[in-house]
Amino acid sequence: MVTIQQAAQNAAEFARSVLGGEAASDLRLEEVESDLYQGREVWLITLSLPEEPTGRNVLSMPRPRVFKRFVVAKESGEVLAMKIRELANAG
């Protein structure tokens, strides 16, 4: 059984290898959940990273963060999926 710490590390390594770029060097752990995915026990690891710059205000303002959810198998630590994590409106 993979620990939460190892699952988070595997998700971060996967994100760096797939997403690359400057943003992947500023990953933050945001959420951890236990769940089932396609009949397998998994950790759902949500990481955030800065949004890619758009050309305006590139240096003057902090960039908003985007959230990615990684599905990590509990038995092996394999990253099974990466999804966009949409946040609920707090309004």
PDB file of N, CA and C in Angstrom:
ATOM      1  N   MET A   1       0.850  -1.185   0.000  1.00  0.00           N
ATOM      2  CA  MET A   1       0.000   0.000   0.000  1.00  0.00           C
ATOM      3  C   MET A   1       0.889   1.240   0.000  1.00  0.00           C
ATOM      4  N   VAL A   2       0.590   2.141  -0.905  1.00  0.00           N
ATOM      5  CA  VAL A   2       1.332   3.390  -1.055  1.00  0.00           C
ATOM      6  C   VAL A   2       0.801   4.406  -0.047  1.00  0.00           C
ATOM      7  N   THR A   3       1.691   5.105   0.633  1.00  0.00           N
ATOM      8  CA  THR A   3       1.287   6.140   1.583  1.00  0.00           C
ATOM      9  C   THR A   3       0.818   7.390   0.838  1.00  0.00           C
ATOM     10  N   ILE A   4       0.149   8.270   1.565  1.00  0.00           N
ATOM     11  CA  ILE A   4      -0.283   9.537   0.988  1.00  0.00           C
ATOM     12  C   ILE A   4       0.928  10.328   0.500  1.00  0.00           C
ATOM     13  N   GLN A   5       1.999  10.320   1.283  1.00  0.00           N
ATOM     14  CA  GLN A   5       3.200  11.065   0.909  1.00  0.00           C
ATOM     15  C   GLN A   5       3.784  10.560  -0.396  1.00  0.00           C
ATOM     16  N   GLN A   6       3.852   9.236  -0.551  1.00  0.00           N
ATOM     17  CA  GLN A   6       4.396   8.658  -1.785  1.00  0.00           C
ATOM     18  C   GLN A   6       3.472   8.928  -2.966  1.00  0.00           C
ATOM     19  N   ALA A   7       2.163   8.846  -2.740  1.00  0.00           N
ATOM     20  CA  ALA A   7       1.208   9.140  -3.816  1.00  0.00           C
ATOM     21  C   ALA A   7       1.350  10.590  -4.273  1.00  0.00           C
ATOM     22  N   ALA A   8       1.501  11.516  -3.330  1.00  0.00           N
ATOM     23  CA  ALA A   8       1.674  12.930  -3.679  1.00  0.00           C
ATOM     24  C   ALA A   8       2.980  13.134  -4.441  1.00  0.00           C
ATOM     25  N   GLN A   9       4.036  12.460  -4.014  1.00  0.00           N
ATOM     26  CA  GLN A   9       5.323  12.572  -4.704  1.00  0.00           C
ATOM     27  C   GLN A   9       5.210  12.018  -6.125  1.00  0.00           C
ATOM     28  N   ASN A  10       4.555  10.876  -6.297  1.00  0.00           N
ATOM     29  CA  ASN A  10       4.378  10.293  -7.632  1.00  0.00           C
ATOM     30  C   ASN A  10       3.564  11.224  -8.536  1.00  0.00           C
ATOM     31  N   ALA A  11       2.521  11.830  -7.979  1.00  0.00           N
ATOM     32  CA  ALA A  11       1.702  12.767  -8.759  1.00  0.00           C
ATOM     33  C   ALA A  11       2.542  13.975  -9.186  1.00  0.00           C
ATOM     34  N   ALA A  12       3.355  14.503  -8.271  1.00  0.00           N
ATOM     35  CA  ALA A  12       4.193  15.662  -8.591  1.00  0.00           C
ATOM     36  C   ALA A  12       5.229  15.319  -9.661  1.00  0.00           C
ATOM     37  N   GLU A  13       5.857  14.156  -9.547  1.00  0.00           N
ATOM     38  CA  GLU A  13       6.834  13.735 -10.559  1.00  0.00           C
ATOM     39  C   GLU A  13       6.170  13.570 -11.920  1.00  0.00           C
ATOM     40  N   PHE A  14       4.974  12.985 -11.927  1.00  0.00           N
ATOM     41  CA  PHE A  14       4.225  12.813 -13.165  1.00  0.00           C
ATOM     42  C   PHE A  14       3.899  14.177 -13.776  1.00  0.00           C
ATOM     43  N   ALA A  15       3.434  15.114 -12.943  1.00  0.00           N
ATOM     44  CA  ALA A  15       3.084  16.461 -13.424  1.00  0.00           C
ATOM     45  C   ALA A  15       4.301  17.141 -14.039  1.00  0.00           C
ATOM     46  N   ARG A  16       5.442  17.054 -13.374  1.00  0.00           N
ATOM     47  CA  ARG A  16       6.655  17.692 -13.905  1.00  0.00           C
ATOM     48  C   ARG A  16       7.044  17.093 -15.252  1.00  0.00           C
ATOM     49  N   SER A  17       6.926  15.773 -15.376  1.00  0.00           N
ATOM     50  CA  SER A  17       7.351  15.123 -16.624  1.00  0.00           C
ATOM     51  C   SER A  17       6.385  15.391 -17.772  1.00  0.00           C
ATOM     52  N   VAL A  18       5.104  15.510 -17.476  1.00  0.00           N
ATOM     53  CA  VAL A  18       4.102  15.696 -18.522  1.00  0.00           C
ATOM     54  C   VAL A  18       3.886  17.173 -18.854  1.00  0.00           C
ATOM     55  N   LEU A  19       3.790  18.007 -17.828  1.00  0.00           N
ATOM     56  CA  LEU A  19       3.472  19.413 -18.033  1.00  0.00           C
ATOM     57  C   LEU A  19       4.707  20.252 -18.330  1.00  0.00           C
ATOM     58  N   GLY A  20       5.814  19.919 -17.690  1.00  0.00           N
ATOM     59  CA  GLY A  20       7.068  20.635 -17.911  1.00  0.00           C
ATOM     60  C   GLY A  20       6.938  22.122 -17.686  1.00  0.00           C
ATOM     61  N   GLY A  21       7.903  22.850 -18.172  1.00  0.00           N
ATOM     62  CA  GLY A  21       7.875  24.305 -18.103  1.00  0.00           C
ATOM     63  C   GLY A  21       8.081  24.858 -16.716  1.00  0.00           C
ATOM     64  N   GLU A  22       8.079  26.169 -16.663  1.00  0.00           N
ATOM     65  CA  GLU A  22       8.314  26.896 -15.424  1.00  0.00           C
ATOM     66  C   GLU A  22       7.244  26.598 -14.382  1.00  0.00           C
ATOM     67  N   ALA A  23       5.999  26.497 -14.802  1.00  0.00           N
ATOM     68  CA  ALA A  23       4.891  26.305 -13.868  1.00  0.00           C
ATOM     69  C   ALA A  23       5.028  25.005 -13.072  1.00  0.00           C
ATOM     70  N   ALA A  24       5.541  23.973 -13.695  1.00  0.00           N
ATOM     71  CA  ALA A  24       5.651  22.676 -13.034  1.00  0.00           C
ATOM     72  C   ALA A  24       6.664  22.696 -11.900  1.00  0.00           C
ATOM     73  N   SER A  25       7.502  23.734 -11.850  1.00  0.00           N
ATOM     74  CA  SER A  25       8.478  23.813 -10.755  1.00  0.00           C
ATOM     75  C   SER A  25       7.861  24.440  -9.508  1.00  0.00           C
ATOM     76  N   ASP A  26       6.630  24.949  -9.598  1.00  0.00           N
ATOM     77  CA  ASP A  26       5.953  25.590  -8.472  1.00  0.00           C
ATOM     78  C   ASP A  26       4.667  24.848  -8.131  1.00  0.00           C
ATOM     79  N   LEU A  27       4.769  23.540  -7.923  1.00  0.00           N
ATOM     80  CA  LEU A  27       3.605  22.729  -7.586  1.00  0.00           C
ATOM     81  C   LEU A  27       3.286  22.849  -6.098  1.00  0.00           C
ATOM     82  N   ARG A  28       2.004  22.860  -5.781  1.00  0.00           N
ATOM     83  CA  ARG A  28       1.562  22.875  -4.384  1.00  0.00           C
ATOM     84  C   ARG A  28       0.532  21.776  -4.176  1.00  0.00           C
ATOM     85  N   LEU A  29       0.669  21.053  -3.085  1.00  0.00           N
ATOM     86  CA  LEU A  29      -0.324  20.055  -2.714  1.00  0.00           C
ATOM     87  C   LEU A  29      -1.531  20.785  -2.139  1.00  0.00           C
ATOM     88  N   GLU A  30      -2.717  20.514  -2.685  1.00  0.00           N
ATOM     89  CA  GLU A  30      -3.931  21.199  -2.260  1.00  0.00           C
ATOM     90  C   GLU A  30      -4.925  20.284  -1.548  1.00  0.00           C
ATOM     91  N   GLU A  31      -5.132  19.070  -2.088  1.00  0.00           N
ATOM     92  CA  GLU A  31      -6.128  18.154  -1.514  1.00  0.00           C
ATOM     93  C   GLU A  31      -5.667  16.717  -1.665  1.00  0.00           C
ATOM     94  N   VAL A  32      -6.117  15.885  -0.722  1.00  0.00           N
ATOM     95  CA  VAL A  32      -5.905  14.435  -0.804  1.00  0.00           C
ATOM     96  C   VAL A  32      -7.207  13.760  -0.392  1.00  0.00           C
ATOM     97  N   GLU A  33      -7.647  12.815  -1.201  1.00  0.00           N
ATOM     98  CA  GLU A  33      -8.856  12.051  -0.887  1.00  0.00           C
ATOM     99  C   GLU A  33      -8.613  10.579  -1.196  1.00  0.00           C
ATOM    100  N   SER A  34      -9.361   9.730  -0.530  1.00  0.00           N
ATOM    101  CA  SER A  34      -9.367   8.304  -0.820  1.00  0.00           C
ATOM    102  C   SER A  34     -10.658   8.001  -1.576  1.00  0.00           C
ATOM    103  N   ASP A  35     -10.562   7.158  -2.638  1.00  0.00           N
ATOM    104  CA  ASP A  35     -11.754   6.896  -3.445  1.00  0.00           C
ATOM    105  C   ASP A  35     -11.577   5.589  -4.210  1.00  0.00           C
ATOM    106  N   LEU A  36     -12.582   5.243  -5.011  1.00  0.00           N
ATOM    107  CA  LEU A  36     -12.504   4.130  -5.950  1.00  0.00           C
ATOM    108  C   LEU A  36     -12.495   4.692  -7.359  1.00  0.00           C
ATOM    109  N   TYR A  37     -11.685   4.113  -8.236  1.00  0.00           N
ATOM    110  CA  TYR A  37     -11.603   4.524  -9.636  1.00  0.00           C
ATOM    111  C   TYR A  37     -11.524   3.263 -10.461  1.00  0.00           C
ATOM    112  N   GLN A  38     -12.530   3.024 -11.274  1.00  0.00           N
ATOM    113  CA  GLN A  38     -12.606   1.831 -12.111  1.00  0.00           C
ATOM    114  C   GLN A  38     -12.382   0.563 -11.278  1.00  0.00           C
ATOM    115  N   GLY A  39     -13.013   0.535 -10.096  1.00  0.00           N
ATOM    116  CA  GLY A  39     -12.954  -0.633  -9.228  1.00  0.00           C
ATOM    117  C   GLY A  39     -11.669  -0.772  -8.419  1.00  0.00           C
ATOM    118  N   ARG A  40     -10.782   0.206  -8.492  1.00  0.00           N
ATOM    119  CA  ARG A  40      -9.505   0.144  -7.761  1.00  0.00           C
ATOM    120  C   ARG A  40      -9.479   1.204  -6.670  1.00  0.00           C
ATOM    121  N   GLU A  41      -8.859   0.873  -5.538  1.00  0.00           N
ATOM    122  CA  GLU A  41      -8.668   1.857  -4.482  1.00  0.00           C
ATOM    123  C   GLU A  41      -7.573   2.821  -4.914  1.00  0.00           C
ATOM    124  N   VAL A  42      -7.864   4.122  -4.791  1.00  0.00           N
ATOM    125  CA  VAL A  42      -6.930   5.141  -5.263  1.00  0.00           C
ATOM    126  C   VAL A  42      -6.844   6.297  -4.279  1.00  0.00           C
ATOM    127  N   TRP A  43      -5.771   7.058  -4.425  1.00  0.00           N
ATOM    128  CA  TRP A  43      -5.637   8.369  -3.811  1.00  0.00           C
ATOM    129  C   TRP A  43      -5.947   9.387  -4.894  1.00  0.00           C
ATOM    130  N   LEU A  44      -6.770  10.385  -4.569  1.00  0.00           N
ATOM    131  CA  LEU A  44      -7.005  11.518  -5.464  1.00  0.00           C
ATOM    132  C   LEU A  44      -6.158  12.666  -4.924  1.00  0.00           C
ATOM    133  N   ILE A  45      -5.147  13.035  -5.673  1.00  0.00           N
ATOM    134  CA  ILE A  45      -4.192  14.058  -5.267  1.00  0.00           C
ATOM    135  C   ILE A  45      -4.425  15.298  -6.127  1.00  0.00           C
ATOM    136  N   THR A  46      -4.770  16.421  -5.499  1.00  0.00           N
ATOM    137  CA  THR A  46      -4.951  17.666  -6.236  1.00  0.00           C
ATOM    138  C   THR A  46      -3.727  18.545  -6.013  1.00  0.00           C
ATOM    139  N   LEU A  47      -3.105  18.936  -7.121  1.00  0.00           N
ATOM    140  CA  LEU A  47      -1.955  19.837  -7.101  1.00  0.00           C
ATOM    141  C   LEU A  47      -2.340  21.116  -7.834  1.00  0.00           C
ATOM    142  N   SER A  48      -1.749  22.230  -7.418  1.00  0.00           N
ATOM    143  CA  SER A  48      -1.959  23.476  -8.147  1.00  0.00           C
ATOM    144  C   SER A  48      -0.628  23.949  -8.704  1.00  0.00           C
ATOM    145  N   LEU A  49      -0.711  24.708  -9.806  1.00  0.00           N
ATOM    146  CA  LEU A  49       0.466  25.303 -10.425  1.00  0.00           C
ATOM    147  C   LEU A  49       0.063  26.616 -11.057  1.00  0.00           C
ATOM    148  N   PRO A  50       1.008  27.535 -11.236  1.00  0.00           N
ATOM    149  CA  PRO A  50       0.648  28.825 -11.826  1.00  0.00           C
ATOM    150  C   PRO A  50       0.154  28.667 -13.256  1.00  0.00           C
ATOM    151  N   GLU A  51      -0.846  29.471 -13.592  1.00  0.00           N
ATOM    152  CA  GLU A  51      -1.352  29.511 -14.961  1.00  0.00           C
ATOM    153  C   GLU A  51      -0.253  30.041 -15.878  1.00  0.00           C
ATOM    154  N   GLU A  52      -0.196  29.550 -17.084  1.00  0.00           N
ATOM    155  CA  GLU A  52       0.805  30.024 -18.047  1.00  0.00           C
ATOM    156  C   GLU A  52       0.580  31.500 -18.343  1.00  0.00           C
ATOM    157  N   PRO A  53       1.648  32.293 -18.483  1.00  0.00           N
ATOM    158  CA  PRO A  53       1.479  33.724 -18.779  1.00  0.00           C
ATOM    159  C   PRO A  53       0.832  33.937 -20.137  1.00  0.00           C
ATOM    160  N   THR A  54       0.065  35.019 -20.234  1.00  0.00           N
ATOM    161  CA  THR A  54      -0.655  35.304 -21.475  1.00  0.00           C
ATOM    162  C   THR A  54      -0.056  36.462 -22.261  1.00  0.00           C
ATOM    163  N   GLY A  55       0.978  37.098 -21.755  1.00  0.00           N
ATOM    164  CA  GLY A  55       1.601  38.191 -22.480  1.00  0.00           C
ATOM    165  C   GLY A  55       1.340  39.546 -21.864  1.00  0.00           C
ATOM    166  N   ARG A  56       0.225  39.706 -21.207  1.00  0.00           N
ATOM    167  CA  ARG A  56      -0.031  40.987 -20.546  1.00  0.00           C
ATOM    168  C   ARG A  56       0.173  40.814 -19.038  1.00  0.00           C
ATOM    169  N   ASN A  57       0.792  41.769 -18.444  1.00  0.00           N
ATOM    170  CA  ASN A  57       1.076  41.735 -17.003  1.00  0.00           C
ATOM    171  C   ASN A  57       1.845  40.486 -16.590  1.00  0.00           C
ATOM    172  N   VAL A  58       2.723  40.032 -17.436  1.00  0.00           N
ATOM    173  CA  VAL A  58       3.451  38.789 -17.171  1.00  0.00           C
ATOM    174  C   VAL A  58       4.276  38.891 -15.897  1.00  0.00           C
ATOM    175  N   LEU A  59       4.911  40.005 -15.671  1.00  0.00           N
ATOM    176  CA  LEU A  59       5.790  40.125 -14.515  1.00  0.00           C
ATOM    177  C   LEU A  59       5.182  40.909 -13.360  1.00  0.00           C
ATOM    178  N   SER A  60       4.131  41.683 -13.608  1.00  0.00           N
ATOM    179  CA  SER A  60       3.667  42.615 -12.595  1.00  0.00           C
ATOM    180  C   SER A  60       2.691  42.029 -11.576  1.00  0.00           C
ATOM    181  N   MET A  61       2.010  40.952 -11.903  1.00  0.00           N
ATOM    182  CA  MET A  61       1.002  40.416 -10.994  1.00  0.00           C
ATOM    183  C   MET A  61       1.215  38.927 -10.787  1.00  0.00           C
ATOM    184  N   PRO A  62       0.867  38.442  -9.581  1.00  0.00           N
ATOM    185  CA  PRO A  62       0.917  36.995  -9.392  1.00  0.00           C
ATOM    186  C   PRO A  62      -0.088  36.320 -10.326  1.00  0.00           C
ATOM    187  N   ARG A  63       0.298  35.201 -10.864  1.00  0.00           N
ATOM    188  CA  ARG A  63      -0.605  34.489 -11.783  1.00  0.00           C
ATOM    189  C   ARG A  63      -1.597  33.653 -10.996  1.00  0.00           C
ATOM    190  N   PRO A  64      -2.820  33.548 -11.499  1.00  0.00           N
ATOM    191  CA  PRO A  64      -3.780  32.640 -10.872  1.00  0.00           C
ATOM    192  C   PRO A  64      -3.265  31.209 -10.973  1.00  0.00           C
ATOM    193  N   ARG A  65      -3.770  30.354 -10.111  1.00  0.00           N
ATOM    194  CA  ARG A  65      -3.324  28.964 -10.108  1.00  0.00           C
ATOM    195  C   ARG A  65      -4.380  28.088 -10.773  1.00  0.00           C
ATOM    196  N   VAL A  66      -3.925  27.052 -11.436  1.00  0.00           N
ATOM    197  CA  VAL A  66      -4.811  26.036 -11.999  1.00  0.00           C
ATOM    198  C   VAL A  66      -4.641  24.772 -11.165  1.00  0.00           C
ATOM    199  N   PHE A  67      -5.679  23.965 -11.138  1.00  0.00           N
ATOM    200  CA  PHE A  67      -5.701  22.782 -10.283  1.00  0.00           C
ATOM    201  C   PHE A  67      -5.831  21.528 -11.139  1.00  0.00           C
ATOM    202  N   LYS A  68      -4.991  20.555 -10.832  1.00  0.00           N
ATOM    203  CA  LYS A  68      -5.015  19.261 -11.532  1.00  0.00           C
ATOM    204  C   LYS A  68      -5.214  18.168 -10.492  1.00  0.00           C
ATOM    205  N   ARG A  69      -6.082  17.220 -10.817  1.00  0.00           N
ATOM    206  CA  ARG A  69      -6.324  16.081  -9.932  1.00  0.00           C
ATOM    207  C   ARG A  69      -5.672  14.840 -10.546  1.00  0.00           C
ATOM    208  N   PHE A  70      -4.893  14.152  -9.732  1.00  0.00           N
ATOM    209  CA  PHE A  70      -4.190  12.951 -10.160  1.00  0.00           C
ATOM    210  C   PHE A  70      -4.776  11.752  -9.428  1.00  0.00           C
ATOM    211  N   VAL A  71      -5.051  10.706 -10.181  1.00  0.00           N
ATOM    212  CA  VAL A  71      -5.580   9.462  -9.628  1.00  0.00           C
ATOM    213  C   VAL A  71      -4.399   8.508  -9.503  1.00  0.00           C
ATOM    214  N   VAL A  72      -4.078   8.127  -8.255  1.00  0.00           N
ATOM    215  CA  VAL A  72      -2.899   7.300  -7.983  1.00  0.00           C
ATOM    216  C   VAL A  72      -3.357   5.999  -7.337  1.00  0.00           C
ATOM    217  N   ALA A  73      -3.002   4.864  -7.944  1.00  0.00           N
ATOM    218  CA  ALA A  73      -3.384   3.554  -7.417  1.00  0.00           C
ATOM    219  C   ALA A  73      -2.728   3.323  -6.058  1.00  0.00           C
ATOM    220  N   LYS A  74      -3.536   2.918  -5.079  1.00  0.00           N
ATOM    221  CA  LYS A  74      -3.004   2.691  -3.732  1.00  0.00           C
ATOM    222  C   LYS A  74      -2.050   1.508  -3.680  1.00  0.00           C
ATOM    223  N   GLU A  75      -2.318   0.467  -4.471  1.00  0.00           N
ATOM    224  CA  GLU A  75      -1.494  -0.741  -4.367  1.00  0.00           C
ATOM    225  C   GLU A  75      -0.128  -0.598  -5.027  1.00  0.00           C
ATOM    226  N   SER A  76      -0.009   0.263  -6.050  1.00  0.00           N
ATOM    227  CA  SER A  76       1.250   0.336  -6.798  1.00  0.00           C
ATOM    228  C   SER A  76       1.890   1.722  -6.841  1.00  0.00           C
ATOM    229  N   GLY A  77       1.092   2.756  -6.621  1.00  0.00           N
ATOM    230  CA  GLY A  77       1.600   4.117  -6.746  1.00  0.00           C
ATOM    231  C   GLY A  77       1.571   4.647  -8.165  1.00  0.00           C
ATOM    232  N   GLU A  78       1.054   3.856  -9.101  1.00  0.00           N
ATOM    233  CA  GLU A  78       0.986   4.272 -10.500  1.00  0.00           C
ATOM    234  C   GLU A  78      -0.044   5.388 -10.673  1.00  0.00           C
ATOM    235  N   VAL A  79       0.327   6.411 -11.444  1.00  0.00           N
ATOM    236  CA  VAL A  79      -0.618   7.475 -11.770  1.00  0.00           C
ATOM    237  C   VAL A  79      -1.502   6.964 -12.906  1.00  0.00           C
ATOM    238  N   LEU A  80      -2.794   6.853 -12.642  1.00  0.00           N
ATOM    239  CA  LEU A  80      -3.737   6.293 -13.607  1.00  0.00           C
ATOM    240  C   LEU A  80      -4.397   7.356 -14.468  1.00  0.00           C
ATOM    241  N   ALA A  81      -4.508   8.576 -13.953  1.00  0.00           N
ATOM    242  CA  ALA A  81      -5.188   9.630 -14.702  1.00  0.00           C
ATOM    243  C   ALA A  81      -4.799  11.000 -14.157  1.00  0.00           C
ATOM    244  N   MET A  82      -4.922  11.999 -15.034  1.00  0.00           N
ATOM    245  CA  MET A  82      -4.750  13.400 -14.656  1.00  0.00           C
ATOM    246  C   MET A  82      -5.952  14.142 -15.220  1.00  0.00           C
ATOM    247  N   LYS A  83      -6.617  14.935 -14.383  1.00  0.00           N
ATOM    248  CA  LYS A  83      -7.817  15.644 -14.796  1.00  0.00           C
ATOM    249  C   LYS A  83      -7.737  17.091 -14.348  1.00  0.00           C
ATOM    250  N   ILE A  84      -8.499  17.958 -15.013  1.00  0.00           N
ATOM    251  CA  ILE A  84      -8.632  19.334 -14.582  1.00  0.00           C
ATOM    252  C   ILE A  84      -9.571  19.337 -13.374  1.00  0.00           C
ATOM    253  N   ARG A  85      -9.153  20.019 -12.335  1.00  0.00           N
ATOM    254  CA  ARG A  85      -9.976  20.107 -11.128  1.00  0.00           C
ATOM    255  C   ARG A  85     -10.657  21.461 -11.118  1.00  0.00           C
ATOM    256  N   GLU A  86     -11.978  21.461 -11.309  1.00  0.00           N
ATOM    257  CA  GLU A  86     -12.760  22.692 -11.300  1.00  0.00           C
ATOM    258  C   GLU A  86     -13.174  22.981  -9.860  1.00  0.00           C
ATOM    259  N   LEU A  87     -12.993  24.227  -9.437  1.00  0.00           N
ATOM    260  CA  LEU A  87     -13.403  24.615  -8.096  1.00  0.00           C
ATOM    261  C   LEU A  87     -14.799  25.196  -8.132  1.00  0.00           C
ATOM    262  N   ALA A  88     -15.547  24.944  -7.076  1.00  0.00           N
ATOM    263  CA  ALA A  88     -16.897  25.495  -6.963  1.00  0.00           C
ATOM    264  C   ALA A  88     -16.797  26.987  -6.721  1.00  0.00           C
ATOM    265  N   ASN A  89     -17.737  27.734  -7.241  1.00  0.00           N
ATOM    266  CA  ASN A  89     -17.786  29.178  -7.004  1.00  0.00           C
ATOM    267  C   ASN A  89     -18.158  29.431  -5.542  1.00  0.00           C
ATOM    268  N   ALA A  90     -17.437  30.314  -4.905  1.00  0.00           N
ATOM    269  CA  ALA A  90     -17.701  30.635  -3.507  1.00  0.00           C
ATOM    270  C   ALA A  90     -18.656  31.819  -3.393  1.00  0.00           C
ATOM    271  N   GLY A  91     -19.414  32.101  -4.436  1.00  0.00           N
ATOM    272  CA  GLY A  91     -20.276  33.262  -4.431  1.00  0.00           C
ATOM    273  C   GLY A  91     -21.657  32.911  -4.106  1.00  0.00           C
TER     274      GLY A  91
END
